């Protein structure tokens, strides 16, 4: 699983993708659809959902510090593993268990980010599925998997205030998620409302 920060959504019209490669249009200038090479499941995980009178609530994120690089913050999650995960949501539960020793509930789709990264997905795109969910339990001592067994740097669990200031004071990646969260401070918690459906 790679947790390297994504540079943002892919572009499907004829322009540079930021790596010097040109994204070629299909016939007659119509954007060409790229195959999905990788899918990930990531948690917009509330330990306390924002609620009037109780404060802004907090998101559980992971501060990643790799040798020689500036730290960045990511949401828990990772790749959907064919043959292991029967669904994207099953991958989310597995990843949250591995990275946090946690269980979640009230899993609701919230945001999709499509990324073209020639190093990670040559000839295609990575689709990141972000789900709003609520923390049930978390026991960091039960973490397991590659991030714990063969770490590349530090993985620090952080409670980030779910406020515009809290979200923008750190390098939360991908930037498209940071922008989406900051622009929807009031709306995102409503995805956990009991009367939603």
C-alpha atoms as a PDB file:
ATOM      1  CA  UNK A   1       0.000   0.000   0.000  1.00  0.00           C
ATOM      2  CA  UNK A   2       1.283   3.425  -0.849  1.00  0.00           C
ATOM      3  CA  UNK A   3       0.255   6.391   1.221  1.00  0.00           C
ATOM      4  CA  UNK A   4       2.263   8.944  -0.706  1.00  0.00           C
ATOM      5  CA  UNK A   5       0.375  12.178  -1.083  1.00  0.00           C
ATOM      6  CA  UNK A   6      -1.527  12.602  -4.293  1.00  0.00           C
ATOM      7  CA  UNK A   7      -0.947  15.715  -6.312  1.00  0.00           C
ATOM      8  CA  UNK A   8      -4.612  16.147  -7.188  1.00  0.00           C
ATOM      9  CA  UNK A   9      -7.203  14.965  -9.665  1.00  0.00           C
ATOM     10  CA  UNK A  10      -6.165  13.842 -13.129  1.00  0.00           C
ATOM     11  CA  UNK A  11      -6.899  15.910 -16.179  1.00  0.00           C
ATOM     12  CA  UNK A  12      -8.501  14.253 -19.188  1.00  0.00           C
ATOM     13  CA  UNK A  13      -7.970  16.996 -21.750  1.00  0.00           C
ATOM     14  CA  UNK A  14      -4.801  17.677 -23.705  1.00  0.00           C
ATOM     15  CA  UNK A  15      -2.468  19.308 -21.200  1.00  0.00           C
ATOM     16  CA  UNK A  16       0.500  18.434 -19.051  1.00  0.00           C
ATOM     17  CA  UNK A  17      -0.140  16.342 -15.965  1.00  0.00           C
ATOM     18  CA  UNK A  18       2.585  18.088 -13.969  1.00  0.00           C
ATOM     19  CA  UNK A  19       5.166  15.397 -14.692  1.00  0.00           C
ATOM     20  CA  UNK A  20       5.927  16.616 -18.194  1.00  0.00           C
ATOM     21  CA  UNK A  21       3.753  13.936 -19.797  1.00  0.00           C
ATOM     22  CA  UNK A  22       0.900  15.015 -21.980  1.00  0.00           C
ATOM     23  CA  UNK A  23      -2.518  13.467 -21.501  1.00  0.00           C
ATOM     24  CA  UNK A  24      -3.670  12.672 -25.012  1.00  0.00           C
ATOM     25  CA  UNK A  25      -7.253  13.284 -26.079  1.00  0.00           C
ATOM     26  CA  UNK A  26      -9.291  10.550 -27.708  1.00  0.00           C
ATOM     27  CA  UNK A  27     -10.847  10.825 -31.160  1.00  0.00           C
ATOM     28  CA  UNK A  28     -11.873  14.311 -32.320  1.00  0.00           C
ATOM     29  CA  UNK A  29     -10.516  15.967 -29.185  1.00  0.00           C
ATOM     30  CA  UNK A  30     -12.898  14.095 -26.849  1.00  0.00           C
ATOM     31  CA  UNK A  31     -11.180  13.227 -23.569  1.00  0.00           C
ATOM     32  CA  UNK A  32     -10.004   9.638 -23.438  1.00  0.00           C
ATOM     33  CA  UNK A  33     -11.209   7.561 -20.496  1.00  0.00           C
ATOM     34  CA  UNK A  34      -8.315   6.014 -18.600  1.00  0.00           C
ATOM     35  CA  UNK A  35      -8.584   2.601 -16.923  1.00  0.00           C
ATOM     36  CA  UNK A  36      -8.797   2.424 -13.142  1.00  0.00           C
ATOM     37  CA  UNK A  37      -5.549   0.738 -12.107  1.00  0.00           C
ATOM     38  CA  UNK A  38      -5.889   1.138  -8.340  1.00  0.00           C
ATOM     39  CA  UNK A  39      -8.710   1.825  -5.888  1.00  0.00           C
ATOM     40  CA  UNK A  40      -8.314   2.968  -2.308  1.00  0.00           C
ATOM     41  CA  UNK A  41     -10.668   3.333   0.649  1.00  0.00           C
ATOM     42  CA  UNK A  42     -10.046   6.147   3.118  1.00  0.00           C
ATOM     43  CA  UNK A  43     -11.865   7.208   6.300  1.00  0.00           C
ATOM     44  CA  UNK A  44     -13.001  10.739   7.126  1.00  0.00           C
ATOM     45  CA  UNK A  45     -13.125   9.449  10.679  1.00  0.00           C
ATOM     46  CA  UNK A  46     -14.817  11.372  13.481  1.00  0.00           C
ATOM     47  CA  UNK A  47     -14.071  10.459  17.083  1.00  0.00           C
ATOM     48  CA  UNK A  48     -16.554  13.140  18.082  1.00  0.00           C
ATOM     49  CA  UNK A  49     -18.873  14.441  15.405  1.00  0.00           C
ATOM     50  CA  UNK A  50     -19.473  18.190  15.426  1.00  0.00           C
ATOM     51  CA  UNK A  51     -22.700  18.999  17.226  1.00  0.00           C
ATOM     52  CA  UNK A  52     -24.228  22.309  18.302  1.00  0.00           C
ATOM     53  CA  UNK A  53     -23.288  22.979  21.915  1.00  0.00           C
ATOM     54  CA  UNK A  54     -20.553  20.318  22.002  1.00  0.00           C
ATOM     55  CA  UNK A  55     -17.860  21.965  19.917  1.00  0.00           C
ATOM     56  CA  UNK A  56     -16.347  21.262  16.538  1.00  0.00           C
ATOM     57  CA  UNK A  57     -15.511  17.576  16.919  1.00  0.00           C
ATOM     58  CA  UNK A  58     -12.290  15.931  15.799  1.00  0.00           C
ATOM     59  CA  UNK A  59     -11.021  13.898  12.875  1.00  0.00           C
ATOM     60  CA  UNK A  60      -8.635  11.014  13.389  1.00  0.00           C
ATOM     61  CA  UNK A  61      -5.741  11.391  10.940  1.00  0.00           C
ATOM     62  CA  UNK A  62      -2.228  10.019  10.639  1.00  0.00           C
ATOM     63  CA  UNK A  63       0.795  12.302  10.667  1.00  0.00           C
ATOM     64  CA  UNK A  64       3.369  10.794   8.309  1.00  0.00           C
ATOM     65  CA  UNK A  65       6.995  11.692   8.753  1.00  0.00           C
ATOM     66  CA  UNK A  66       9.424  10.099   6.323  1.00  0.00           C
ATOM     67  CA  UNK A  67      13.205  10.545   6.539  1.00  0.00           C
ATOM     68  CA  UNK A  68      14.288  13.662   4.660  1.00  0.00           C
ATOM     69  CA  UNK A  69      10.730  14.814   3.855  1.00  0.00           C
ATOM     70  CA  UNK A  70       8.363  17.367   5.361  1.00  0.00           C
ATOM     71  CA  UNK A  71       5.560  15.778   7.402  1.00  0.00           C
ATOM     72  CA  UNK A  72       2.084  15.418   5.960  1.00  0.00           C
ATOM     73  CA  UNK A  73      -1.236  14.230   7.355  1.00  0.00           C
ATOM     74  CA  UNK A  74      -3.445  11.568   5.746  1.00  0.00           C
ATOM     75  CA  UNK A  75      -6.764   9.967   6.471  1.00  0.00           C
ATOM     76  CA  UNK A  76      -6.601   6.309   7.554  1.00  0.00           C
ATOM     77  CA  UNK A  77      -6.998   3.858   4.710  1.00  0.00           C
ATOM     78  CA  UNK A  78      -5.291   2.238   1.788  1.00  0.00           C
ATOM     79  CA  UNK A  79      -5.579   0.058  -1.254  1.00  0.00           C
ATOM     80  CA  UNK A  80      -8.384  -2.336  -2.075  1.00  0.00           C
ATOM     81  CA  UNK A  81      -6.698  -5.747  -2.260  1.00  0.00           C
ATOM     82  CA  UNK A  82      -8.108  -8.080  -4.933  1.00  0.00           C
ATOM     83  CA  UNK A  83      -8.760 -11.530  -3.518  1.00  0.00           C
ATOM     84  CA  UNK A  84      -8.781 -10.144   0.035  1.00  0.00           C
ATOM     85  CA  UNK A  85     -11.414  -7.405   0.046  1.00  0.00           C
ATOM     86  CA  UNK A  86     -14.882  -8.213  -1.317  1.00  0.00           C
ATOM     87  CA  UNK A  87     -15.762  -4.513  -1.465  1.00  0.00           C
ATOM     88  CA  UNK A  88     -14.314  -1.043  -1.045  1.00  0.00           C
ATOM     89  CA  UNK A  89     -16.049  -0.749   2.340  1.00  0.00           C
ATOM     90  CA  UNK A  90     -14.545  -4.058   3.472  1.00  0.00           C
ATOM     91  CA  UNK A  91     -11.124  -2.656   2.517  1.00  0.00           C
ATOM     92  CA  UNK A  92     -11.883   0.436   4.604  1.00  0.00           C
ATOM     93  CA  UNK A  93     -12.647  -1.668   7.701  1.00  0.00           C
ATOM     94  CA  UNK A  94      -9.490  -3.761   7.181  1.00  0.00           C
ATOM     95  CA  UNK A  95      -7.262  -0.702   6.704  1.00  0.00           C
ATOM     96  CA  UNK A  96      -8.668   1.142   9.748  1.00  0.00           C
ATOM     97  CA  UNK A  97      -8.081  -1.985  11.835  1.00  0.00           C
ATOM     98  CA  UNK A  98      -4.486  -2.309  10.559  1.00  0.00           C
ATOM     99  CA  UNK A  99      -3.495   1.356  10.842  1.00  0.00           C
ATOM    100  CA  UNK A 100      -5.337   2.352  14.026  1.00  0.00           C
ATOM    101  CA  UNK A 101      -6.428  -0.845  15.782  1.00  0.00           C
ATOM    102  CA  UNK A 102      -9.898   0.652  15.349  1.00  0.00           C
ATOM    103  CA  UNK A 103     -13.481  -0.272  14.555  1.00  0.00           C
ATOM    104  CA  UNK A 104     -15.824   2.146  12.785  1.00  0.00           C
ATOM    105  CA  UNK A 105     -19.546   2.447  12.139  1.00  0.00           C
ATOM    106  CA  UNK A 106     -21.969   4.589  10.105  1.00  0.00           C
ATOM    107  CA  UNK A 107     -19.846   4.346   6.933  1.00  0.00           C
ATOM    108  CA  UNK A 108     -21.213   6.800   4.328  1.00  0.00           C
ATOM    109  CA  UNK A 109     -19.661   7.635   0.921  1.00  0.00           C
ATOM    110  CA  UNK A 110     -18.625  11.297   0.845  1.00  0.00           C
ATOM    111  CA  UNK A 111     -15.988  12.118  -1.765  1.00  0.00           C
ATOM    112  CA  UNK A 112     -14.104  10.581  -4.688  1.00  0.00           C
ATOM    113  CA  UNK A 113     -10.705  11.760  -5.903  1.00  0.00           C
ATOM    114  CA  UNK A 114      -9.354  10.524  -9.239  1.00  0.00           C
ATOM    115  CA  UNK A 115      -5.589  10.797  -9.626  1.00  0.00           C
ATOM    116  CA  UNK A 116      -3.249  10.129 -12.524  1.00  0.00           C
ATOM    117  CA  UNK A 117       0.234   9.331 -11.264  1.00  0.00           C
ATOM    118  CA  UNK A 118       2.507   7.789 -13.920  1.00  0.00           C
ATOM    119  CA  UNK A 119       4.743   6.304 -11.199  1.00  0.00           C
ATOM    120  CA  UNK A 120       1.945   4.533  -9.317  1.00  0.00           C
ATOM    121  CA  UNK A 121      -0.649   3.941 -12.047  1.00  0.00           C
ATOM    122  CA  UNK A 122       1.095   4.030 -15.442  1.00  0.00           C
ATOM    123  CA  UNK A 123      -1.477   4.283 -18.222  1.00  0.00           C
ATOM    124  CA  UNK A 124      -4.386   4.686 -15.830  1.00  0.00           C
ATOM    125  CA  UNK A 125      -5.764   6.361 -12.744  1.00  0.00           C
ATOM    126  CA  UNK A 126      -6.134   5.765  -9.022  1.00  0.00           C
ATOM    127  CA  UNK A 127      -9.618   6.301  -7.602  1.00  0.00           C
ATOM    128  CA  UNK A 128      -9.675   7.202  -3.901  1.00  0.00           C
ATOM    129  CA  UNK A 129     -13.022   6.606  -2.168  1.00  0.00           C
ATOM    130  CA  UNK A 130     -13.479   8.693   0.996  1.00  0.00           C
ATOM    131  CA  UNK A 131     -16.121   7.661   3.541  1.00  0.00           C
ATOM    132  CA  UNK A 132     -17.401   9.643   6.507  1.00  0.00           C
ATOM    133  CA  UNK A 133     -17.592   7.327   9.512  1.00  0.00           C
ATOM    134  CA  UNK A 134     -17.708   7.303  13.279  1.00  0.00           C
ATOM    135  CA  UNK A 135     -15.085   5.770  15.578  1.00  0.00           C
ATOM    136  CA  UNK A 136     -16.365   2.971  17.829  1.00  0.00           C
ATOM    137  CA  UNK A 137     -13.114   1.835  19.459  1.00  0.00           C
ATOM    138  CA  UNK A 138      -9.410   2.428  18.925  1.00  0.00           C
ATOM    139  CA  UNK A 139      -6.540   0.506  20.501  1.00  0.00           C
ATOM    140  CA  UNK A 140      -3.258   1.612  18.880  1.00  0.00           C
ATOM    141  CA  UNK A 141      -1.465  -1.313  20.548  1.00  0.00           C
ATOM    142  CA  UNK A 142      -3.420  -3.639  18.237  1.00  0.00           C
ATOM    143  CA  UNK A 143      -2.156  -2.015  15.037  1.00  0.00           C
ATOM    144  CA  UNK A 144      -0.620  -4.425  12.537  1.00  0.00           C
ATOM    145  CA  UNK A 145       0.321  -4.646   8.884  1.00  0.00           C
ATOM    146  CA  UNK A 146       3.144  -3.125   6.842  1.00  0.00           C
ATOM    147  CA  UNK A 147       2.928   0.341   8.425  1.00  0.00           C
ATOM    148  CA  UNK A 148       3.687  -1.191  11.832  1.00  0.00           C
ATOM    149  CA  UNK A 149       5.828  -4.190  10.897  1.00  0.00           C
ATOM    150  CA  UNK A 150       8.060  -2.459   8.306  1.00  0.00           C
ATOM    151  CA  UNK A 151       7.575   1.270   8.801  1.00  0.00           C
ATOM    152  CA  UNK A 152       9.095   3.855   6.496  1.00  0.00           C
ATOM    153  CA  UNK A 153       9.229   6.734   8.960  1.00  0.00           C
ATOM    154  CA  UNK A 154       6.683   7.565  11.650  1.00  0.00           C
ATOM    155  CA  UNK A 155       2.917   7.026  11.764  1.00  0.00           C
ATOM    156  CA  UNK A 156       1.477   9.210  14.516  1.00  0.00           C
ATOM    157  CA  UNK A 157      -2.254   9.102  15.261  1.00  0.00           C
ATOM    158  CA  UNK A 158      -3.559  12.671  15.636  1.00  0.00           C
ATOM    159  CA  UNK A 159      -6.932  14.163  16.582  1.00  0.00           C
ATOM    160  CA  UNK A 160      -7.403  17.157  14.302  1.00  0.00           C
ATOM    161  CA  UNK A 161     -10.053  19.793  15.176  1.00  0.00           C
ATOM    162  CA  UNK A 162     -12.766  19.720  12.509  1.00  0.00           C
ATOM    163  CA  UNK A 163     -12.648  23.458  11.877  1.00  0.00           C
ATOM    164  CA  UNK A 164     -11.378  25.485   8.908  1.00  0.00           C
ATOM    165  CA  UNK A 165      -8.332  26.429  10.985  1.00  0.00           C
ATOM    166  CA  UNK A 166      -7.694  22.850  12.095  1.00  0.00           C
ATOM    167  CA  UNK A 167      -7.912  21.511   8.554  1.00  0.00           C
ATOM    168  CA  UNK A 168      -5.733  24.163   6.944  1.00  0.00           C
ATOM    169  CA  UNK A 169      -2.977  24.451   9.577  1.00  0.00           C
ATOM    170  CA  UNK A 170      -1.525  21.079   8.544  1.00  0.00           C
ATOM    171  CA  UNK A 171      -0.554  19.600   5.193  1.00  0.00           C
ATOM    172  CA  UNK A 172      -3.580  17.294   4.889  1.00  0.00           C
ATOM    173  CA  UNK A 173      -3.353  15.343   1.638  1.00  0.00           C
ATOM    174  CA  UNK A 174      -4.616  15.069  -0.956  1.00  0.00           C
ATOM    175  CA  UNK A 175      -5.197  18.826  -1.363  1.00  0.00           C
ATOM    176  CA  UNK A 176      -8.538  18.110  -3.044  1.00  0.00           C
ATOM    177  CA  UNK A 177      -9.761  16.456   0.163  1.00  0.00           C
ATOM    178  CA  UNK A 178      -8.501  19.334   2.326  1.00  0.00           C
ATOM    179  CA  UNK A 179     -10.388  21.815   0.109  1.00  0.00           C
ATOM    180  CA  UNK A 180     -13.543  19.672   0.117  1.00  0.00           C
ATOM    181  CA  UNK A 181     -13.535  19.337   3.910  1.00  0.00           C
ATOM    182  CA  UNK A 182     -12.828  23.032   4.550  1.00  0.00           C
ATOM    183  CA  UNK A 183     -15.635  24.050   2.167  1.00  0.00           C
ATOM    184  CA  UNK A 184     -18.146  21.661   3.755  1.00  0.00           C
ATOM    185  CA  UNK A 185     -17.537  22.027   7.504  1.00  0.00           C
ATOM    186  CA  UNK A 186     -21.272  22.226   8.254  1.00  0.00           C
ATOM    187  CA  UNK A 187     -22.433  19.662   5.700  1.00  0.00           C
ATOM    188  CA  UNK A 188     -20.082  16.736   6.233  1.00  0.00           C
ATOM    189  CA  UNK A 189     -21.256  15.906   9.787  1.00  0.00           C
ATOM    190  CA  UNK A 190     -24.832  15.808   8.469  1.00  0.00           C
ATOM    191  CA  UNK A 191     -23.850  12.646   6.580  1.00  0.00           C
ATOM    192  CA  UNK A 192     -23.841  10.958  10.002  1.00  0.00           C
ATOM    193  CA  UNK A 193     -27.321  12.234  10.941  1.00  0.00           C
ATOM    194  CA  UNK A 194     -29.639   9.467  12.142  1.00  0.00           C
ATOM    195  CA  UNK A 195     -32.447  10.681   9.879  1.00  0.00           C
ATOM    196  CA  UNK A 196     -30.359  10.536   6.683  1.00  0.00           C
ATOM    197  CA  UNK A 197     -31.780   7.213   5.621  1.00  0.00           C
END
